[in-house]
PDB file of N, CA and C in Angstrom:
ATOM      1  N   MET A   1      45.230-225.450 -88.816  1.00  0.00           N
ATOM      2  CA  MET A   1      46.368-225.026 -88.035  1.00  0.00           C
ATOM      3  C   MET A   1      46.032-223.872 -87.112  1.00  0.00           C
ATOM      4  N   SER A   2      45.253-222.905 -87.567  1.00  0.00           N
ATOM      5  CA  SER A   2      44.956-221.738 -86.744  1.00  0.00           C
ATOM      6  C   SER A   2      44.080-222.112 -85.546  1.00  0.00           C
ATOM      7  N   LYS A   3      43.245-223.151 -85.667  1.00  0.00           N
ATOM      8  CA  LYS A   3      42.420-223.577 -84.541  1.00  0.00           C
ATOM      9  C   LYS A   3      43.279-224.157 -83.422  1.00  0.00           C
ATOM     10  N   VAL A   4      44.336-224.846 -83.791  1.00  0.00           N
ATOM     11  CA  VAL A   4      45.218-225.424 -82.784  1.00  0.00           C
ATOM     12  C   VAL A   4      45.894-224.319 -81.982  1.00  0.00           C
ATOM     13  N   LYS A   5      46.322-223.259 -82.637  1.00  0.00           N
ATOM     14  CA  LYS A   5      46.961-222.155 -81.937  1.00  0.00           C
ATOM     15  C   LYS A   5      45.983-221.421 -81.025  1.00  0.00           C
ATOM     16  N   SER A   6      44.716-221.324 -81.412  1.00  0.00           N
ATOM     17  CA  SER A   6      43.748-220.615 -80.586  1.00  0.00           C
ATOM     18  C   SER A   6      43.295-221.465 -79.398  1.00  0.00           C
ATOM     19  N   ILE A   7      43.413-222.781 -79.486  1.00  0.00           N
ATOM     20  CA  ILE A   7      43.006-223.657 -78.387  1.00  0.00           C
ATOM     21  C   ILE A   7      44.106-223.760 -77.336  1.00  0.00           C
ATOM     22  N   SER A   8      45.354-223.734 -77.713  1.00  0.00           N
ATOM     23  CA  SER A   8      46.450-223.985 -76.776  1.00  0.00           C
ATOM     24  C   SER A   8      46.500-222.999 -75.606  1.00  0.00           C
ATOM     25  N   PRO A   9      46.247-221.700 -75.755  1.00  0.00           N
ATOM     26  CA  PRO A   9      46.245-220.847 -74.560  1.00  0.00           C
ATOM     27  C   PRO A   9      45.136-221.220 -73.582  1.00  0.00           C
ATOM     28  N   TYR A  10      44.004-221.644 -74.081  1.00  0.00           N
ATOM     29  CA  TYR A  10      42.914-222.061 -73.206  1.00  0.00           C
ATOM     30  C   TYR A  10      43.260-223.352 -72.461  1.00  0.00           C
ATOM     31  N   VAL A  11      43.962-224.240 -73.133  1.00  0.00           N
ATOM     32  CA  VAL A  11      44.384-225.479 -72.485  1.00  0.00           C
ATOM     33  C   VAL A  11      45.378-225.171 -71.382  1.00  0.00           C
ATOM     34  N   VAL A  12      46.315-224.288 -71.642  1.00  0.00           N
ATOM     35  CA  VAL A  12      47.308-223.908 -70.644  1.00  0.00           C
ATOM     36  C   VAL A  12      46.626-223.239 -69.448  1.00  0.00           C
ATOM     37  N   ILE A  13      45.695-222.360 -69.698  1.00  0.00           N
ATOM     38  CA  ILE A  13      44.961-221.699 -68.607  1.00  0.00           C
ATOM     39  C   ILE A  13      44.181-222.736 -67.803  1.00  0.00           C
ATOM     40  N   GLY A  14      43.548-223.686 -68.485  1.00  0.00           N
ATOM     41  CA  GLY A  14      42.796-224.737 -67.802  1.00  0.00           C
ATOM     42  C   GLY A  14      43.679-225.600 -66.921  1.00  0.00           C
ATOM     43  N   ILE A  15      44.836-225.969 -67.435  1.00  0.00           N
ATOM     44  CA  ILE A  15      45.776-226.764 -66.648  1.00  0.00           C
ATOM     45  C   ILE A  15      46.263-225.961 -65.446  1.00  0.00           C
ATOM     46  N   GLY A  16      46.544-224.697 -65.650  1.00  0.00           N
ATOM     47  CA  GLY A  16      46.982-223.850 -64.541  1.00  0.00           C
ATOM     48  C   GLY A  16      45.922-223.712 -63.460  1.00  0.00           C
ATOM     49  N   LEU A  17      44.681-223.516 -63.874  1.00  0.00           N
ATOM     50  CA  LEU A  17      43.590-223.408 -62.894  1.00  0.00           C
ATOM     51  C   LEU A  17      43.360-224.726 -62.165  1.00  0.00           C
ATOM     52  N   ALA A  18      43.446-225.840 -62.874  1.00  0.00           N
ATOM     53  CA  ALA A  18      43.288-227.146 -62.237  1.00  0.00           C
ATOM     54  C   ALA A  18      44.401-227.388 -61.226  1.00  0.00           C
ATOM     55  N   GLY A  19      45.636-227.025 -61.588  1.00  0.00           N
ATOM     56  CA  GLY A  19      46.754-227.185 -60.656  1.00  0.00           C
ATOM     57  C   GLY A  19      46.605-226.298 -59.443  1.00  0.00           C
ATOM     58  N   ALA A  20      46.168-225.067 -59.651  1.00  0.00           N
ATOM     59  CA  ALA A  20      45.990-224.144 -58.527  1.00  0.00           C
ATOM     60  C   ALA A  20      44.887-224.625 -57.594  1.00  0.00           C
ATOM     61  N   SER A  21      43.800-225.125 -58.156  1.00  0.00           N
ATOM     62  CA  SER A  21      42.709-225.608 -57.301  1.00  0.00           C
ATOM     63  C   SER A  21      43.131-226.874 -56.564  1.00  0.00           C
ATOM     64  N   TYR A  22      43.935-227.723 -57.196  1.00  0.00           N
ATOM     65  CA  TYR A  22      44.414-228.939 -56.540  1.00  0.00           C
ATOM     66  C   TYR A  22      45.349-228.590 -55.391  1.00  0.00           C
ATOM     67  N   LEU A  23      46.211-227.620 -55.594  1.00  0.00           N
ATOM     68  CA  LEU A  23      47.192-227.254 -54.572  1.00  0.00           C
ATOM     69  C   LEU A  23      46.625-226.326 -53.504  1.00  0.00           C
ATOM     70  N   SER A  24      45.371-225.944 -53.607  1.00  0.00           N
ATOM     71  CA  SER A  24      44.794-225.073 -52.593  1.00  0.00           C
ATOM     72  C   SER A  24      44.585-225.808 -51.274  1.00  0.00           C
ATOM     73  N   SER A  25      44.529-227.133 -51.308  1.00  0.00           N
ATOM     74  CA  SER A  25      44.362-227.935 -50.100  1.00  0.00           C
ATOM     75  C   SER A  25      45.729-228.254 -49.501  1.00  0.00           C
ATOM     76  N   LYS A  26      45.864-228.106 -48.188  1.00  0.00           N
ATOM     77  CA  LYS A  26      47.126-228.378 -47.490  1.00  0.00           C
ATOM     78  C   LYS A  26      47.516-229.851 -47.640  1.00  0.00           C
ATOM     79  N   ASN A  27      46.538-230.749 -47.581  1.00  0.00           N
ATOM     80  CA  ASN A  27      46.804-232.174 -47.708  1.00  0.00           C
ATOM     81  C   ASN A  27      47.392-232.495 -49.083  1.00  0.00           C
ATOM     82  N   ASN A  28      46.860-231.899 -50.129  1.00  0.00           N
ATOM     83  CA  ASN A  28      47.369-232.129 -51.480  1.00  0.00           C
ATOM     84  C   ASN A  28      48.776-231.582 -51.651  1.00  0.00           C
ATOM     85  N   ARG A  29      49.053-230.427 -51.045  1.00  0.00           N
ATOM     86  CA  ARG A  29      50.405-229.862 -51.125  1.00  0.00           C
ATOM     87  C   ARG A  29      51.407-230.778 -50.429  1.00  0.00           C
ATOM     88  N   ASP A  30      51.032-231.308 -49.266  1.00  0.00           N
ATOM     89  CA  ASP A  30      51.928-232.221 -48.553  1.00  0.00           C
ATOM     90  C   ASP A  30      52.195-233.485 -49.360  1.00  0.00           C
ATOM     91  N   GLN A  31      51.164-234.015 -50.015  1.00  0.00           N
ATOM     92  CA  GLN A  31      51.348-235.192 -50.854  1.00  0.00           C
ATOM     93  C   GLN A  31      52.280-234.894 -52.017  1.00  0.00           C
ATOM     94  N   LEU A  32      52.136-233.731 -52.608  1.00  0.00           N
ATOM     95  CA  LEU A  32      52.991-233.347 -53.729  1.00  0.00           C
ATOM     96  C   LEU A  32      54.452-233.213 -53.287  1.00  0.00           C
ATOM     97  N   VAL A  33      54.666-232.657 -52.106  1.00  0.00           N
ATOM     98  CA  VAL A  33      56.027-232.524 -51.579  1.00  0.00           C
ATOM     99  C   VAL A  33      56.631-233.899 -51.337  1.00  0.00           C
ATOM    100  N   GLN A  34      55.868-234.820 -50.764  1.00  0.00           N
ATOM    101  CA  GLN A  34      56.371-236.174 -50.518  1.00  0.00           C
ATOM    102  C   GLN A  34      56.711-236.892 -51.816  1.00  0.00           C
ATOM    103  N   VAL A  35      55.854-236.769 -52.799  1.00  0.00           N
ATOM    104  CA  VAL A  35      56.103-237.420 -54.089  1.00  0.00           C
ATOM    105  C   VAL A  35      57.329-236.815 -54.765  1.00  0.00           C
ATOM    106  N   SER A  36      57.469-235.497 -54.697  1.00  0.00           N
ATOM    107  CA  SER A  36      58.625-234.863 -55.343  1.00  0.00           C
ATOM    108  C   SER A  36      59.920-235.264 -54.651  1.00  0.00           C
ATOM    109  N   ARG A  37      59.903-235.434 -53.327  1.00  0.00           N
ATOM    110  CA  ARG A  37      61.109-235.893 -52.615  1.00  0.00           C
ATOM    111  C   ARG A  37      61.474-237.313 -53.013  1.00  0.00           C
ATOM    112  N   LYS A  38      60.472-238.178 -53.148  1.00  0.00           N
ATOM    113  CA  LYS A  38      60.743-239.554 -53.571  1.00  0.00           C
ATOM    114  C   LYS A  38      61.325-239.586 -54.981  1.00  0.00           C
ATOM    115  N   VAL A  39      60.786-238.755 -55.855  1.00  0.00           N
ATOM    116  CA  VAL A  39      61.290-238.701 -57.235  1.00  0.00           C
ATOM    117  C   VAL A  39      62.726-238.190 -57.247  1.00  0.00           C
ATOM    118  N   MET A  40      63.006-237.159 -56.468  1.00  0.00           N
ATOM    119  CA  MET A  40      64.374-236.625 -56.408  1.00  0.00           C
ATOM    120  C   MET A  40      65.350-237.677 -55.878  1.00  0.00           C
ATOM    121  N   GLU A  41      64.920-238.446 -54.887  1.00  0.00           N
ATOM    122  CA  GLU A  41      65.760-239.508 -54.338  1.00  0.00           C
ATOM    123  C   GLU A  41      66.076-240.549 -55.408  1.00  0.00           C
ATOM    124  N   LYS A  42      65.070-240.941 -56.185  1.00  0.00           N
ATOM    125  CA  LYS A  42      65.279-241.928 -57.234  1.00  0.00           C
ATOM    126  C   LYS A  42      66.171-241.380 -58.350  1.00  0.00           C
ATOM    127  N   VAL A  43      66.020-240.107 -58.656  1.00  0.00           N
ATOM    128  CA  VAL A  43      66.866-239.492 -59.688  1.00  0.00           C
ATOM    129  C   VAL A  43      68.314-239.466 -59.221  1.00  0.00           C
ATOM    130  N   LYS A  44      68.541-239.160 -57.949  1.00  0.00           N
ATOM    131  CA  LYS A  44      69.911-239.176 -57.417  1.00  0.00           C
ATOM    132  C   LYS A  44      70.522-240.556 -57.534  1.00  0.00           C
ATOM    133  N   VAL A  45      69.744-241.573 -57.186  1.00  0.00           N
ATOM    134  CA  VAL A  45      70.251-242.941 -57.263  1.00  0.00           C
ATOM    135  C   VAL A  45      70.559-243.323 -58.698  1.00  0.00           C
ATOM    136  N   ILE A  46      69.706-242.939 -59.635  1.00  0.00           N
ATOM    137  CA  ILE A  46      69.914-243.296 -61.035  1.00  0.00           C
ATOM    138  C   ILE A  46      71.157-242.604 -61.595  1.00  0.00           C
ATOM    139  N   TYR A  47      71.303-241.308 -61.349  1.00  0.00           N
ATOM    140  CA  TYR A  47      72.402-240.561 -61.958  1.00  0.00           C
ATOM    141  C   TYR A  47      73.735-240.779 -61.266  1.00  0.00           C
ATOM    142  N   THR A  48      73.740-241.007 -59.968  1.00  0.00           N
ATOM    143  CA  THR A  48      75.006-241.180 -59.272  1.00  0.00           C
ATOM    144  C   THR A  48      75.356-242.633 -59.063  1.00  0.00           C
ATOM    145  N   GLY A  49      74.367-243.523 -59.135  1.00  0.00           N
ATOM    146  CA  GLY A  49      74.627-244.931 -58.884  1.00  0.00           C
ATOM    147  C   GLY A  49      74.802-245.212 -57.406  1.00  0.00           C
ATOM    148  N   ARG A  50      74.468-244.269 -56.574  1.00  0.00           N
ATOM    149  CA  ARG A  50      74.616-244.402 -55.124  1.00  0.00           C
ATOM    150  C   ARG A  50      73.332-243.959 -54.457  1.00  0.00           C
ATOM    151  N   SER A  51      73.168-244.378 -53.219  1.00  0.00           N
ATOM    152  CA  SER A  51      72.002-243.928 -52.458  1.00  0.00           C
ATOM    153  C   SER A  51      72.226-242.508 -51.969  1.00  0.00           C
ATOM    154  N   SER A  52      71.192-241.897 -51.448  1.00  0.00           N
ATOM    155  CA  SER A  52      71.289-240.519 -50.970  1.00  0.00           C
ATOM    156  C   SER A  52      72.273-240.398 -49.820  1.00  0.00           C
ATOM    157  N   GLY A  53      72.342-241.425 -48.976  1.00  0.00           N
ATOM    158  CA  GLY A  53      73.284-241.397 -47.860  1.00  0.00           C
ATOM    159  C   GLY A  53      74.719-241.304 -48.346  1.00  0.00           C
ATOM    160  N   ALA A  54      75.034-242.014 -49.427  1.00  0.00           N
ATOM    161  CA  ALA A  54      76.381-241.959 -49.987  1.00  0.00           C
ATOM    162  C   ALA A  54      76.671-240.575 -50.549  1.00  0.00           C
ATOM    163  N   CYS A  55      75.676-239.942 -51.165  1.00  0.00           N
ATOM    164  CA  CYS A  55      75.863-238.588 -51.693  1.00  0.00           C
ATOM    165  C   CYS A  55      76.101-237.608 -50.558  1.00  0.00           C
ATOM    166  N   ASP A  56      75.338-237.751 -49.474  1.00  0.00           N
ATOM    167  CA  ASP A  56      75.538-236.869 -48.326  1.00  0.00           C
ATOM    168  C   ASP A  56      76.925-237.057 -47.729  1.00  0.00           C
ATOM    169  N   GLU A  57      77.401-238.305 -47.712  1.00  0.00           N
ATOM    170  CA  GLU A  57      78.740-238.580 -47.187  1.00  0.00           C
ATOM    171  C   GLU A  57      79.805-237.898 -48.048  1.00  0.00           C
ATOM    172  N   LEU A  58      79.633-237.940 -49.368  1.00  0.00           N
ATOM    173  CA  LEU A  58      80.594-237.285 -50.247  1.00  0.00           C
ATOM    174  C   LEU A  58      80.573-235.774 -50.079  1.00  0.00           C
ATOM    175  N   ILE A  59      79.392-235.208 -49.892  1.00  0.00           N
ATOM    176  CA  ILE A  59      79.285-233.762 -49.707  1.00  0.00           C
ATOM    177  C   ILE A  59      79.954-233.358 -48.403  1.00  0.00           C
ATOM    178  N   GLU A  60      79.746-234.142 -47.343  1.00  0.00           N
ATOM    179  CA  GLU A  60      80.379-233.819 -46.061  1.00  0.00           C
ATOM    180  C   GLU A  60      81.893-233.969 -46.147  1.00  0.00           C
ATOM    181  N   LYS A  61      82.357-234.985 -46.867  1.00  0.00           N
ATOM    182  CA  LYS A  61      83.790-235.185 -47.038  1.00  0.00           C
ATOM    183  C   LYS A  61      84.412-234.029 -47.815  1.00  0.00           C
ATOM    184  N   ALA A  62      83.687-233.519 -48.787  1.00  0.00           N
ATOM    185  CA  ALA A  62      84.205-232.403 -49.580  1.00  0.00           C
ATOM    186  C   ALA A  62      84.340-231.152 -48.723  1.00  0.00           C
ATOM    187  N   GLY A  63      83.452-230.990 -47.760  1.00  0.00           N
ATOM    188  CA  GLY A  63      83.511-229.808 -46.913  1.00  0.00           C
ATOM    189  C   GLY A  63      84.561-229.909 -45.822  1.00  0.00           C
ATOM    190  N   ASN A  64      84.965-231.128 -45.472  1.00  0.00           N
ATOM    191  CA  ASN A  64      85.931-231.320 -44.392  1.00  0.00           C
ATOM    192  C   ASN A  64      86.862-232.462 -44.779  1.00  0.00           C
ATOM    193  N   PRO A  65      87.868-232.217 -45.625  1.00  0.00           N
ATOM    194  CA  PRO A  65      88.727-233.296 -46.093  1.00  0.00           C
ATOM    195  C   PRO A  65      89.615-233.848 -44.982  1.00  0.00           C
ATOM    196  N   ASP A  66      89.875-235.136 -45.059  1.00  0.00           N
ATOM    197  CA  ASP A  66      90.726-235.811 -44.087  1.00  0.00           C
ATOM    198  C   ASP A  66      92.168-235.770 -44.596  1.00  0.00           C
ATOM    199  N   PRO A  67      93.117-235.224 -43.821  1.00  0.00           N
ATOM    200  CA  PRO A  67      94.500-235.141 -44.306  1.00  0.00           C
ATOM    201  C   PRO A  67      95.165-236.513 -44.422  1.00  0.00           C
ATOM    202  N   HIS A  68      94.614-237.533 -43.789  1.00  0.00           N
ATOM    203  CA  HIS A  68      95.205-238.866 -43.851  1.00  0.00           C
ATOM    204  C   HIS A  68      94.630-239.716 -44.978  1.00  0.00           C
ATOM    205  N   ASP A  69      93.704-239.164 -45.736  1.00  0.00           N
ATOM    206  CA  ASP A  69      93.151-239.859 -46.904  1.00  0.00           C
ATOM    207  C   ASP A  69      94.101-239.612 -48.074  1.00  0.00           C
ATOM    208  N   ILE A  70      94.929-240.584 -48.374  1.00  0.00           N
ATOM    209  CA  ILE A  70      96.014-240.427 -49.348  1.00  0.00           C
ATOM    210  C   ILE A  70      95.482-240.105 -50.743  1.00  0.00           C
ATOM    211  N   GLU A  71      94.463-240.832 -51.194  1.00  0.00           N
ATOM    212  CA  GLU A  71      93.937-240.602 -52.535  1.00  0.00           C
ATOM    213  C   GLU A  71      93.337-239.205 -52.671  1.00  0.00           C
ATOM    214  N   ASP A  72      92.671-238.749 -51.620  1.00  0.00           N
ATOM    215  CA  ASP A  72      92.057-237.424 -51.665  1.00  0.00           C
ATOM    216  C   ASP A  72      93.126-236.332 -51.704  1.00  0.00           C
ATOM    217  N   THR A  73      94.153-236.454 -50.865  1.00  0.00           N
ATOM    218  CA  THR A  73      95.207-235.437 -50.864  1.00  0.00           C
ATOM    219  C   THR A  73      95.999-235.466 -52.163  1.00  0.00           C
ATOM    220  N   LYS A  74      96.148-236.644 -52.752  1.00  0.00           N
ATOM    221  CA  LYS A  74      96.835-236.743 -54.039  1.00  0.00           C
ATOM    222  C   LYS A  74      96.048-236.007 -55.119  1.00  0.00           C
ATOM    223  N   MET A  75      94.723-236.195 -55.092  1.00  0.00           N
ATOM    224  CA  MET A  75      93.874-235.523 -56.077  1.00  0.00           C
ATOM    225  C   MET A  75      93.951-234.006 -55.900  1.00  0.00           C
ATOM    226  N   VAL A  76      93.937-233.542 -54.661  1.00  0.00           N
ATOM    227  CA  VAL A  76      93.999-232.107 -54.397  1.00  0.00           C
ATOM    228  C   VAL A  76      95.336-231.538 -54.846  1.00  0.00           C
ATOM    229  N   SER A  77      96.414-232.250 -54.578  1.00  0.00           N
ATOM    230  CA  SER A  77      97.728-231.745 -54.969  1.00  0.00           C
ATOM    231  C   SER A  77      97.863-231.698 -56.490  1.00  0.00           C
ATOM    232  N   GLU A  78      97.308-232.683 -57.185  1.00  0.00           N
ATOM    233  CA  GLU A  78      97.345-232.658 -58.648  1.00  0.00           C
ATOM    234  C   GLU A  78      96.558-231.468 -59.177  1.00  0.00           C
ATOM    235  N   GLY A  79      95.419-231.185 -58.552  1.00  0.00           N
ATOM    236  CA  GLY A  79      94.623-230.038 -58.969  1.00  0.00           C
ATOM    237  C   GLY A  79      95.345-228.737 -58.706  1.00  0.00           C
ATOM    238  N   ALA A  80      96.044-228.659 -57.585  1.00  0.00           N
ATOM    239  CA  ALA A  80      96.779-227.447 -57.253  1.00  0.00           C
ATOM    240  C   ALA A  80      97.938-227.250 -58.232  1.00  0.00           C
ATOM    241  N   MET A  81      98.601-228.314 -58.609  1.00  0.00           N
ATOM    242  CA  MET A  81      99.717-228.201 -59.542  1.00  0.00           C
ATOM    243  C   MET A  81      99.235-227.773 -60.926  1.00  0.00           C
ATOM    244  N   TYR A  82      98.043-228.172 -61.304  1.00  0.00           N
ATOM    245  CA  TYR A  82      97.510-227.758 -62.589  1.00  0.00           C
ATOM    246  C   TYR A  82      97.375-226.245 -62.636  1.00  0.00           C
ATOM    247  N   ALA A  83      96.859-225.658 -61.576  1.00  0.00           N
ATOM    248  CA  ALA A  83      96.682-224.207 -61.550  1.00  0.00           C
ATOM    249  C   ALA A  83      98.034-223.496 -61.581  1.00  0.00           C
ATOM    250  N   VAL A  84      99.000-224.020 -60.855  1.00  0.00           N
ATOM    251  CA  VAL A  84     100.332-223.402 -60.831  1.00  0.00           C
ATOM    252  C   VAL A  84     100.989-223.512 -62.204  1.00  0.00           C
ATOM    253  N   GLU A  85     100.897-224.673 -62.823  1.00  0.00           N
ATOM    254  CA  GLU A  85     101.491-224.851 -64.150  1.00  0.00           C
ATOM    255  C   GLU A  85     100.829-223.947 -65.179  1.00  0.00           C
ATOM    256  N   TYR A  86      99.526-223.800 -65.098  1.00  0.00           N
ATOM    257  CA  TYR A  86      98.805-222.921 -66.025  1.00  0.00           C
ATOM    258  C   TYR A  86      99.248-221.479 -65.838  1.00  0.00           C
ATOM    259  N   TYR A  87      99.365-221.049 -64.572  1.00  0.00           N
ATOM    260  CA  TYR A  87      99.791-219.684 -64.297  1.00  0.00           C
ATOM    261  C   TYR A  87     101.214-219.450 -64.818  1.00  0.00           C
ATOM    262  N   ASN A  88     102.108-220.392 -64.572  1.00  0.00           N
ATOM    263  CA  ASN A  88     103.494-220.244 -65.051  1.00  0.00           C
ATOM    264  C   ASN A  88     103.548-220.202 -66.570  1.00  0.00           C
ATOM    265  N   GLN A  89     102.757-221.004 -67.206  1.00  0.00           N
ATOM    266  CA  GLN A  89     102.746-221.033 -68.673  1.00  0.00           C
ATOM    267  C   GLN A  89     102.247-219.695 -69.222  1.00  0.00           C
ATOM    268  N   GLU A  90     101.216-219.117 -68.611  1.00  0.00           N
ATOM    269  CA  GLU A  90     100.686-217.821 -69.072  1.00  0.00           C
ATOM    270  C   GLU A  90     101.683-216.698 -68.822  1.00  0.00           C
ATOM    271  N   GLU A  91     102.405-216.755 -67.723  1.00  0.00           N
ATOM    272  CA  GLU A  91     103.383-215.712 -67.406  1.00  0.00           C
ATOM    273  C   GLU A  91     104.582-215.784 -68.326  1.00  0.00           C
ATOM    274  N   GLN A  92     104.973-216.994 -68.750  1.00  0.00           N
ATOM    275  CA  GLN A  92     106.141-217.151 -69.614  1.00  0.00           C
ATOM    276  C   GLN A  92     105.836-216.707 -71.038  1.00  0.00           C
ATOM    277  N   GLN A  93     104.592-216.693 -71.429  1.00  0.00           N
ATOM    278  CA  GLN A  93     104.275-216.288 -72.808  1.00  0.00           C
ATOM    279  C   GLN A  93     104.221-214.836 -72.950  1.00  0.00           C
TER     280      GLN A  93
END
């Protein structure tokens, strides 16, 4: 057991040095950035069930709501009423 504990810091240092030497090249850094973007895109699709374009559309809609979108305004009004009801309930107690 004690040998395993004494080896692990050396393994971590070795991995760190290998990663640093790999990332010292601009070409390798660019490849890593491209791969990480592709992975993030796939993770978004898996967790949201939508493509990245759909996520961007939802984010833009959240920042600029359409007053003629009935379902969206209904959701906002329900959320606003929850806060008012909570405040009234706390004040009455």
